[in-house]
PDB file of N, CA and C in Angstrom:
ATOM      1  N   MET A   1     -18.360  17.646   0.259  1.00  0.00           N
ATOM      2  CA  MET A   1     -17.985  18.754   1.128  1.00  0.00           C
ATOM      3  C   MET A   1     -17.435  19.905   0.285  1.00  0.00           C
ATOM      4  N   PRO A   2     -17.943  21.097   0.490  1.00  0.00           N
ATOM      5  CA  PRO A   2     -17.419  22.240  -0.257  1.00  0.00           C
ATOM      6  C   PRO A   2     -15.959  22.504   0.104  1.00  0.00           C
ATOM      7  N   GLY A   3     -15.186  22.920  -0.890  1.00  0.00           N
ATOM      8  CA  GLY A   3     -13.788  23.254  -0.629  1.00  0.00           C
ATOM      9  C   GLY A   3     -12.836  22.079  -0.698  1.00  0.00           C
ATOM     10  N   ARG A   4     -13.362  20.865  -0.738  1.00  0.00           N
ATOM     11  CA  ARG A   4     -12.494  19.685  -0.830  1.00  0.00           C
ATOM     12  C   ARG A   4     -12.304  19.306  -2.278  1.00  0.00           C
ATOM     13  N   MET A   5     -11.064  19.031  -2.638  1.00  0.00           N
ATOM     14  CA  MET A   5     -10.792  18.651  -4.017  1.00  0.00           C
ATOM     15  C   MET A   5     -10.936  17.147  -4.172  1.00  0.00           C
ATOM     16  N   LEU A   6     -11.490  16.753  -5.276  1.00  0.00           N
ATOM     17  CA  LEU A   6     -11.580  15.340  -5.598  1.00  0.00           C
ATOM     18  C   LEU A   6     -10.215  14.843  -6.053  1.00  0.00           C
ATOM     19  N   HIS A   7      -9.987  13.551  -5.892  1.00  0.00           N
ATOM     20  CA  HIS A   7      -8.714  12.952  -6.315  1.00  0.00           C
ATOM     21  C   HIS A   7      -8.419  13.274  -7.778  1.00  0.00           C
ATOM     22  N   SER A   8      -9.436  13.224  -8.640  1.00  0.00           N
ATOM     23  CA  SER A   8      -9.237  13.497 -10.069  1.00  0.00           C
ATOM     24  C   SER A   8      -8.819  14.946 -10.306  1.00  0.00           C
ATOM     25  N   GLU A   9      -9.323  15.884  -9.497  1.00  0.00           N
ATOM     26  CA  GLU A   9      -8.939  17.289  -9.644  1.00  0.00           C
ATOM     27  C   GLU A   9      -7.485  17.494  -9.232  1.00  0.00           C
ATOM     28  N   ILE A  10      -7.071  16.807  -8.159  1.00  0.00           N
ATOM     29  CA  ILE A  10      -5.688  16.903  -7.705  1.00  0.00           C
ATOM     30  C   ILE A  10      -4.766  16.332  -8.778  1.00  0.00           C
ATOM     31  N   GLU A  11      -5.142  15.177  -9.343  1.00  0.00           N
ATOM     32  CA  GLU A  11      -4.343  14.567 -10.398  1.00  0.00           C
ATOM     33  C   GLU A  11      -4.253  15.479 -11.613  1.00  0.00           C
ATOM     34  N   ALA A  12      -5.343  16.136 -11.974  1.00  0.00           N
ATOM     35  CA  ALA A  12      -5.352  17.015 -13.138  1.00  0.00           C
ATOM     36  C   ALA A  12      -4.376  18.175 -12.962  1.00  0.00           C
ATOM     37  N   GLU A  13      -4.207  18.669 -11.737  1.00  0.00           N
ATOM     38  CA  GLU A  13      -3.270  19.765 -11.482  1.00  0.00           C
ATOM     39  C   GLU A  13      -1.826  19.330 -11.678  1.00  0.00           C
ATOM     40  N   ARG A  14      -1.582  18.025 -11.678  1.00  0.00           N
ATOM     41  CA  ARG A  14      -0.237  17.508 -11.812  1.00  0.00           C
ATOM     42  C   ARG A  14       0.152  17.293 -13.278  1.00  0.00           C
ATOM     43  N   ILE A  15      -0.794  17.504 -14.189  1.00  0.00           N
ATOM     44  CA  ILE A  15      -0.531  17.308 -15.607  1.00  0.00           C
ATOM     45  C   ILE A  15      -0.363  18.683 -16.255  1.00  0.00           C
ATOM     46  N   GLY A  16       0.800  18.891 -16.864  1.00  0.00           N
ATOM     47  CA  GLY A  16       1.060  20.163 -17.524  1.00  0.00           C
ATOM     48  C   GLY A  16       0.291  20.253 -18.831  1.00  0.00           C
ATOM     49  N   VAL A  17      -0.196  21.440 -19.151  1.00  0.00           N
ATOM     50  CA  VAL A  17      -0.923  21.663 -20.394  1.00  0.00           C
ATOM     51  C   VAL A  17       0.028  22.306 -21.391  1.00  0.00           C
ATOM     52  N   GLY A  18       0.179  21.667 -22.540  1.00  0.00           N
ATOM     53  CA  GLY A  18       1.042  22.213 -23.580  1.00  0.00           C
ATOM     54  C   GLY A  18       2.522  22.024 -23.299  1.00  0.00           C
ATOM     55  N   VAL A  19       2.876  21.012 -22.499  1.00  0.00           N
ATOM     56  CA  VAL A  19       4.285  20.756 -22.203  1.00  0.00           C
ATOM     57  C   VAL A  19       4.705  19.431 -22.843  1.00  0.00           C
ATOM     58  N   THR A  20       5.999  19.263 -23.010  1.00  0.00           N
ATOM     59  CA  THR A  20       6.530  18.051 -23.632  1.00  0.00           C
ATOM     60  C   THR A  20       6.469  16.877 -22.655  1.00  0.00           C
ATOM     61  N   PRO A  21       6.548  15.654 -23.174  1.00  0.00           N
ATOM     62  CA  PRO A  21       6.627  14.497 -22.277  1.00  0.00           C
ATOM     63  C   PRO A  21       7.841  14.587 -21.349  1.00  0.00           C
ATOM     64  N   GLU A  22       8.938  15.147 -21.846  1.00  0.00           N
ATOM     65  CA  GLU A  22      10.129  15.308 -21.009  1.00  0.00           C
ATOM     66  C   GLU A  22       9.842  16.256 -19.844  1.00  0.00           C
ATOM     67  N   ALA A  23       9.161  17.361 -20.116  1.00  0.00           N
ATOM     68  CA  ALA A  23       8.808  18.313 -19.054  1.00  0.00           C
ATOM     69  C   ALA A  23       7.932  17.640 -18.007  1.00  0.00           C
ATOM     70  N   GLN A  24       6.974  16.831 -18.451  1.00  0.00           N
ATOM     71  CA  GLN A  24       6.103  16.140 -17.508  1.00  0.00           C
ATOM     72  C   GLN A  24       6.896  15.141 -16.677  1.00  0.00           C
ATOM     73  N   SER A  25       7.858  14.469 -17.292  1.00  0.00           N
ATOM     74  CA  SER A  25       8.702  13.514 -16.555  1.00  0.00           C
ATOM     75  C   SER A  25       9.533  14.224 -15.498  1.00  0.00           C
ATOM     76  N   ILE A  26      10.056  15.396 -15.834  1.00  0.00           N
ATOM     77  CA  ILE A  26      10.836  16.183 -14.864  1.00  0.00           C
ATOM     78  C   ILE A  26       9.938  16.618 -13.715  1.00  0.00           C
ATOM     79  N   PHE A  27       8.733  17.081 -14.044  1.00  0.00           N
ATOM     80  CA  PHE A  27       7.764  17.471 -13.006  1.00  0.00           C
ATOM     81  C   PHE A  27       7.480  16.290 -12.085  1.00  0.00           C
ATOM     82  N   ASP A  28       7.222  15.126 -12.684  1.00  0.00           N
ATOM     83  CA  ASP A  28       6.911  13.932 -11.900  1.00  0.00           C
ATOM     84  C   ASP A  28       8.083  13.540 -10.996  1.00  0.00           C
ATOM     85  N   ALA A  29       9.311  13.642 -11.515  1.00  0.00           N
ATOM     86  CA  ALA A  29      10.495  13.307 -10.717  1.00  0.00           C
ATOM     87  C   ALA A  29      10.635  14.261  -9.538  1.00  0.00           C
ATOM     88  N   LEU A  30      10.439  15.557  -9.780  1.00  0.00           N
ATOM     89  CA  LEU A  30      10.513  16.540  -8.693  1.00  0.00           C
ATOM     90  C   LEU A  30       9.413  16.297  -7.662  1.00  0.00           C
ATOM     91  N   SER A  31       8.234  15.908  -8.134  1.00  0.00           N
ATOM     92  CA  SER A  31       7.086  15.747  -7.226  1.00  0.00           C
ATOM     93  C   SER A  31       7.242  14.568  -6.272  1.00  0.00           C
ATOM     94  N   LYS A  32       8.172  13.663  -6.562  1.00  0.00           N
ATOM     95  CA  LYS A  32       8.383  12.514  -5.669  1.00  0.00           C
ATOM     96  C   LYS A  32       8.955  12.937  -4.326  1.00  0.00           C
ATOM     97  N   THR A  33       9.724  14.033  -4.302  1.00  0.00           N
ATOM     98  CA  THR A  33      10.363  14.444  -3.050  1.00  0.00           C
ATOM     99  C   THR A  33      10.104  15.895  -2.657  1.00  0.00           C
ATOM    100  N   LEU A  34       9.488  16.670  -3.544  1.00  0.00           N
ATOM    101  CA  LEU A  34       9.291  18.093  -3.271  1.00  0.00           C
ATOM    102  C   LEU A  34       7.877  18.522  -3.662  1.00  0.00           C
ATOM    103  N   PRO A  35       7.344  19.551  -2.997  1.00  0.00           N
ATOM    104  CA  PRO A  35       6.044  20.075  -3.414  1.00  0.00           C
ATOM    105  C   PRO A  35       6.206  20.881  -4.706  1.00  0.00           C
ATOM    106  N   VAL A  36       5.476  20.496  -5.738  1.00  0.00           N
ATOM    107  CA  VAL A  36       5.578  21.172  -7.037  1.00  0.00           C
ATOM    108  C   VAL A  36       4.189  21.466  -7.594  1.00  0.00           C
ATOM    109  N   GLN A  37       4.138  22.448  -8.476  1.00  0.00           N
ATOM    110  CA  GLN A  37       2.893  22.761  -9.175  1.00  0.00           C
ATOM    111  C   GLN A  37       3.254  23.394 -10.511  1.00  0.00           C
ATOM    112  N   TRP A  38       2.323  23.341 -11.428  1.00  0.00           N
ATOM    113  CA  TRP A  38       2.506  23.997 -12.721  1.00  0.00           C
ATOM    114  C   TRP A  38       2.011  25.434 -12.627  1.00  0.00           C
ATOM    115  N   ASP A  39       2.710  26.358 -13.274  1.00  0.00           N
ATOM    116  CA  ASP A  39       2.246  27.725 -13.490  1.00  0.00           C
ATOM    117  C   ASP A  39       2.364  27.936 -14.990  1.00  0.00           C
ATOM    118  N   LYS A  40       1.289  27.661 -15.696  1.00  0.00           N
ATOM    119  CA  LYS A  40       1.286  27.568 -17.157  1.00  0.00           C
ATOM    120  C   LYS A  40       2.300  26.500 -17.562  1.00  0.00           C
ATOM    121  N   THR A  41       3.421  26.886 -18.208  1.00  0.00           N
ATOM    122  CA  THR A  41       4.401  25.873 -18.600  1.00  0.00           C
ATOM    123  C   THR A  41       5.626  25.871 -17.685  1.00  0.00           C
ATOM    124  N   ASP A  42       5.616  26.691 -16.637  1.00  0.00           N
ATOM    125  CA  ASP A  42       6.715  26.702 -15.668  1.00  0.00           C
ATOM    126  C   ASP A  42       6.419  25.720 -14.545  1.00  0.00           C
ATOM    127  N   ILE A  43       7.471  25.090 -14.045  1.00  0.00           N
ATOM    128  CA  ILE A  43       7.345  24.229 -12.869  1.00  0.00           C
ATOM    129  C   ILE A  43       7.762  25.068 -11.669  1.00  0.00           C
ATOM    130  N   VAL A  44       6.908  25.152 -10.658  1.00  0.00           N
ATOM    131  CA  VAL A  44       7.214  25.909  -9.445  1.00  0.00           C
ATOM    132  C   VAL A  44       7.416  24.899  -8.318  1.00  0.00           C
ATOM    133  N   VAL A  45       8.609  24.942  -7.715  1.00  0.00           N
ATOM    134  CA  VAL A  45       8.991  23.996  -6.676  1.00  0.00           C
ATOM    135  C   VAL A  45       9.050  24.735  -5.336  1.00  0.00           C
ATOM    136  N   MET A  46       8.415  24.185  -4.321  1.00  0.00           N
ATOM    137  CA  MET A  46       8.391  24.755  -2.968  1.00  0.00           C
ATOM    138  C   MET A  46       7.909  26.208  -2.974  1.00  0.00           C
ATOM    139  N   LYS A  47       7.097  26.558  -3.925  1.00  0.00           N
ATOM    140  CA  LYS A  47       6.513  27.898  -4.092  1.00  0.00           C
ATOM    141  C   LYS A  47       7.565  28.998  -4.254  1.00  0.00           C
ATOM    142  N   GLU A  48       8.830  28.606  -4.521  1.00  0.00           N
ATOM    143  CA  GLU A  48       9.852  29.653  -4.637  1.00  0.00           C
ATOM    144  C   GLU A  48      10.843  29.429  -5.771  1.00  0.00           C
ATOM    145  N   VAL A  49      11.046  28.199  -6.177  1.00  0.00           N
ATOM    146  CA  VAL A  49      12.003  27.911  -7.252  1.00  0.00           C
ATOM    147  C   VAL A  49      11.218  27.672  -8.534  1.00  0.00           C
ATOM    148  N   ARG A  50      11.591  28.390  -9.590  1.00  0.00           N
ATOM    149  CA  ARG A  50      10.873  28.304 -10.862  1.00  0.00           C
ATOM    150  C   ARG A  50      11.783  27.679 -11.915  1.00  0.00           C
ATOM    151  N   VAL A  51      11.219  26.718 -12.663  1.00  0.00           N
ATOM    152  CA  VAL A  51      11.942  26.070 -13.745  1.00  0.00           C
ATOM    153  C   VAL A  51      11.204  26.383 -15.040  1.00  0.00           C
ATOM    154  N   ARG A  52      11.895  27.041 -15.953  1.00  0.00           N
ATOM    155  CA  ARG A  52      11.290  27.417 -17.231  1.00  0.00           C
ATOM    156  C   ARG A  52      11.759  26.489 -18.338  1.00  0.00           C
ATOM    157  N   SER A  53      10.950  26.406 -19.375  1.00  0.00           N
ATOM    158  CA  SER A  53      11.320  25.636 -20.561  1.00  0.00           C
ATOM    159  C   SER A  53      12.631  26.195 -21.105  1.00  0.00           C
ATOM    160  N   PRO A  54      13.547  25.341 -21.509  1.00  0.00           N
ATOM    161  CA  PRO A  54      13.465  23.914 -21.814  1.00  0.00           C
ATOM    162  C   PRO A  54      13.825  22.992 -20.650  1.00  0.00           C
ATOM    163  N   TYR A  55      13.626  23.436 -19.420  1.00  0.00           N
ATOM    164  CA  TYR A  55      13.754  22.594 -18.228  1.00  0.00           C
ATOM    165  C   TYR A  55      15.159  22.010 -18.062  1.00  0.00           C
ATOM    166  N   LEU A  56      16.140  22.874 -18.245  1.00  0.00           N
ATOM    167  CA  LEU A  56      17.546  22.523 -18.027  1.00  0.00           C
ATOM    168  C   LEU A  56      17.972  23.101 -16.683  1.00  0.00           C
ATOM    169  N   PRO A  57      19.058  22.561 -16.084  1.00  0.00           N
ATOM    170  CA  PRO A  57      19.523  23.120 -14.811  1.00  0.00           C
ATOM    171  C   PRO A  57      19.751  24.637 -14.870  1.00  0.00           C
ATOM    172  N   GLU A  58      20.206  25.149 -16.004  1.00  0.00           N
ATOM    173  CA  GLU A  58      20.442  26.597 -16.101  1.00  0.00           C
ATOM    174  C   GLU A  58      19.155  27.413 -16.206  1.00  0.00           C
ATOM    175  N   ASN A  59      17.998  26.760 -16.310  1.00  0.00           N
ATOM    176  CA  ASN A  59      16.711  27.445 -16.355  1.00  0.00           C
ATOM    177  C   ASN A  59      16.017  27.452 -14.991  1.00  0.00           C
ATOM    178  N   VAL A  60      16.781  27.166 -13.930  1.00  0.00           N
ATOM    179  CA  VAL A  60      16.257  27.155 -12.562  1.00  0.00           C
ATOM    180  C   VAL A  60      16.564  28.508 -11.923  1.00  0.00           C
ATOM    181  N   ASN A  61      15.531  29.158 -11.383  1.00  0.00           N
ATOM    182  CA  ASN A  61      15.705  30.472 -10.760  1.00  0.00           C
ATOM    183  C   ASN A  61      14.914  30.556  -9.466  1.00  0.00           C
ATOM    184  N   GLY A  62      15.430  31.390  -8.535  1.00  0.00           N
ATOM    185  CA  GLY A  62      14.697  31.688  -7.308  1.00  0.00           C
ATOM    186  C   GLY A  62      14.997  30.725  -6.177  1.00  0.00           C
ATOM    187  N   GLY A  63      14.474  31.060  -5.015  1.00  0.00           N
ATOM    188  CA  GLY A  63      14.658  30.219  -3.837  1.00  0.00           C
ATOM    189  C   GLY A  63      16.045  30.346  -3.239  1.00  0.00           C
ATOM    190  N   THR A  64      16.284  29.582  -2.198  1.00  0.00           N
ATOM    191  CA  THR A  64      17.592  29.596  -1.554  1.00  0.00           C
ATOM    192  C   THR A  64      18.596  28.879  -2.438  1.00  0.00           C
ATOM    193  N   ALA A  65      19.859  29.093  -2.190  1.00  0.00           N
ATOM    194  CA  ALA A  65      20.903  28.416  -2.968  1.00  0.00           C
ATOM    195  C   ALA A  65      20.773  26.903  -2.827  1.00  0.00           C
ATOM    196  N   ALA A  66      20.472  26.425  -1.611  1.00  0.00           N
ATOM    197  CA  ALA A  66      20.346  24.988  -1.371  1.00  0.00           C
ATOM    198  C   ALA A  66      19.148  24.412  -2.136  1.00  0.00           C
ATOM    199  N   ALA A  67      18.023  25.107  -2.110  1.00  0.00           N
ATOM    200  CA  ALA A  67      16.834  24.645  -2.824  1.00  0.00           C
ATOM    201  C   ALA A  67      17.088  24.642  -4.326  1.00  0.00           C
ATOM    202  N   ASN A  68      17.728  25.682  -4.792  1.00  0.00           N
ATOM    203  CA  ASN A  68      18.057  25.825  -6.208  1.00  0.00           C
ATOM    204  C   ASN A  68      18.943  24.666  -6.666  1.00  0.00           C
ATOM    205  N   GLU A  69      19.965  24.343  -5.892  1.00  0.00           N
ATOM    206  CA  GLU A  69      20.883  23.244  -6.235  1.00  0.00           C
ATOM    207  C   GLU A  69      20.174  21.902  -6.222  1.00  0.00           C
ATOM    208  N   ARG A  70      19.298  21.697  -5.252  1.00  0.00           N
ATOM    209  CA  ARG A  70      18.565  20.424  -5.169  1.00  0.00           C
ATOM    210  C   ARG A  70      17.714  20.215  -6.414  1.00  0.00           C
ATOM    211  N   VAL A  71      17.006  21.256  -6.831  1.00  0.00           N
ATOM    212  CA  VAL A  71      16.163  21.173  -8.027  1.00  0.00           C
ATOM    213  C   VAL A  71      17.029  20.897  -9.256  1.00  0.00           C
ATOM    214  N   LYS A  72      18.161  21.588  -9.370  1.00  0.00           N
ATOM    215  CA  LYS A  72      19.061  21.368 -10.509  1.00  0.00           C
ATOM    216  C   LYS A  72      19.549  19.921 -10.559  1.00  0.00           C
ATOM    217  N   LYS A  73      19.874  19.352  -9.404  1.00  0.00           N
ATOM    218  CA  LYS A  73      20.360  17.968  -9.358  1.00  0.00           C
ATOM    219  C   LYS A  73      19.282  16.992  -9.814  1.00  0.00           C
ATOM    220  N   VAL A  74      18.047  17.200  -9.364  1.00  0.00           N
ATOM    221  CA  VAL A  74      16.955  16.315  -9.766  1.00  0.00           C
ATOM    222  C   VAL A  74      16.724  16.423 -11.275  1.00  0.00           C
ATOM    223  N   ILE A  75      16.740  17.639 -11.800  1.00  0.00           N
ATOM    224  CA  ILE A  75      16.542  17.832 -13.240  1.00  0.00           C
ATOM    225  C   ILE A  75      17.651  17.151 -14.024  1.00  0.00           C
ATOM    226  N   ASP A  76      18.887  17.362 -13.613  1.00  0.00           N
ATOM    227  CA  ASP A  76      20.029  16.768 -14.306  1.00  0.00           C
ATOM    228  C   ASP A  76      19.929  15.237 -14.288  1.00  0.00           C
ATOM    229  N   PHE A  77      19.625  14.675 -13.134  1.00  0.00           N
ATOM    230  CA  PHE A  77      19.515  13.221 -13.004  1.00  0.00           C
ATOM    231  C   PHE A  77      18.385  12.680 -13.883  1.00  0.00           C
ATOM    232  N   GLU A  78      17.234  13.344 -13.848  1.00  0.00           N
ATOM    233  CA  GLU A  78      16.081  12.868 -14.618  1.00  0.00           C
ATOM    234  C   GLU A  78      16.339  12.975 -16.121  1.00  0.00           C
ATOM    235  N   ARG A  79      16.960  14.063 -16.562  1.00  0.00           N
ATOM    236  CA  ARG A  79      17.265  14.205 -17.997  1.00  0.00           C
ATOM    237  C   ARG A  79      18.227  13.102 -18.444  1.00  0.00           C
ATOM    238  N   LYS A  80      19.237  12.797 -17.633  1.00  0.00           N
ATOM    239  CA  LYS A  80      20.180  11.725 -17.979  1.00  0.00           C
ATOM    240  C   LYS A  80      19.460  10.381 -18.021  1.00  0.00           C
ATOM    241  N   ARG A  81      18.566  10.153 -17.058  1.00  0.00           N
ATOM    242  CA  ARG A  81      17.818   8.897 -17.018  1.00  0.00           C
ATOM    243  C   ARG A  81      16.941   8.754 -18.269  1.00  0.00           C
ATOM    244  N   LEU A  82      16.252   9.827 -18.635  1.00  0.00           N
ATOM    245  CA  LEU A  82      15.381   9.790 -19.809  1.00  0.00           C
ATOM    246  C   LEU A  82      16.179   9.537 -21.083  1.00  0.00           C
ATOM    247  N   HIS A  83      17.293  10.216 -21.213  1.00  0.00           N
ATOM    248  CA  HIS A  83      18.090  10.098 -22.442  1.00  0.00           C
ATOM    249  C   HIS A  83      18.783   8.753 -22.547  1.00  0.00           C
ATOM    250  N   SER A  84      19.117   8.141 -21.416  1.00  0.00           N
ATOM    251  CA  SER A  84      19.789   6.840 -21.475  1.00  0.00           C
ATOM    252  C   SER A  84      18.776   5.724 -21.737  1.00  0.00           C
ATOM    253  N   ARG A  85      17.532   5.928 -21.314  1.00  0.00           N
ATOM    254  CA  ARG A  85      16.513   4.901 -21.469  1.00  0.00           C
ATOM    255  C   ARG A  85      15.988   4.831 -22.907  1.00  0.00           C
ATOM    256  N   VAL A  86      15.732   5.984 -23.493  1.00  0.00           N
ATOM    257  CA  VAL A  86      15.193   6.030 -24.852  1.00  0.00           C
ATOM    258  C   VAL A  86      15.995   7.053 -25.654  1.00  0.00           C
ATOM    259  N   PRO A  87      17.151   6.652 -26.186  1.00  0.00           N
ATOM    260  CA  PRO A  87      17.991   7.596 -26.925  1.00  0.00           C
ATOM    261  C   PRO A  87      17.230   8.242 -28.076  1.00  0.00           C
ATOM    262  N   GLY A  88      17.362   9.559 -28.157  1.00  0.00           N
ATOM    263  CA  GLY A  88      16.757  10.300 -29.264  1.00  0.00           C
ATOM    264  C   GLY A  88      15.308  10.694 -29.052  1.00  0.00           C
ATOM    265  N   GLN A  89      14.605  10.112 -28.084  1.00  0.00           N
ATOM    266  CA  GLN A  89      13.188  10.434 -27.910  1.00  0.00           C
ATOM    267  C   GLN A  89      12.998  11.855 -27.404  1.00  0.00           C
ATOM    268  N   PHE A  90      13.874  12.328 -26.531  1.00  0.00           N
ATOM    269  CA  PHE A  90      13.719  13.658 -25.939  1.00  0.00           C
ATOM    270  C   PHE A  90      14.838  14.578 -26.393  1.00  0.00           C
ATOM    271  N   SER A  91      14.921  14.812 -27.656  1.00  0.00           N
ATOM    272  CA  SER A  91      16.001  15.686 -28.182  1.00  0.00           C
ATOM    273  C   SER A  91      15.469  17.070 -28.436  1.00  0.00           C
TER     274      SER A  91
END
């Protein structure tokens, strides 16, 4: 059917190009509860909140205050989880 995306095409949109494994992990964590997409190396959440490299809570911009805080919390939690699981891998 024209206009329908294949499962592989949808999956490909979820993989960042030229981003670190940590950035991809943060994207994946956000995607579990929020609509997210890549815009080059930026993560765009709910089409309004933008997360720029190096993907720290202070690199979150846009959207409502509540949306902004939610994204920051997920990023903070995921970064702590990554660093506690494999110390030194994502430095």
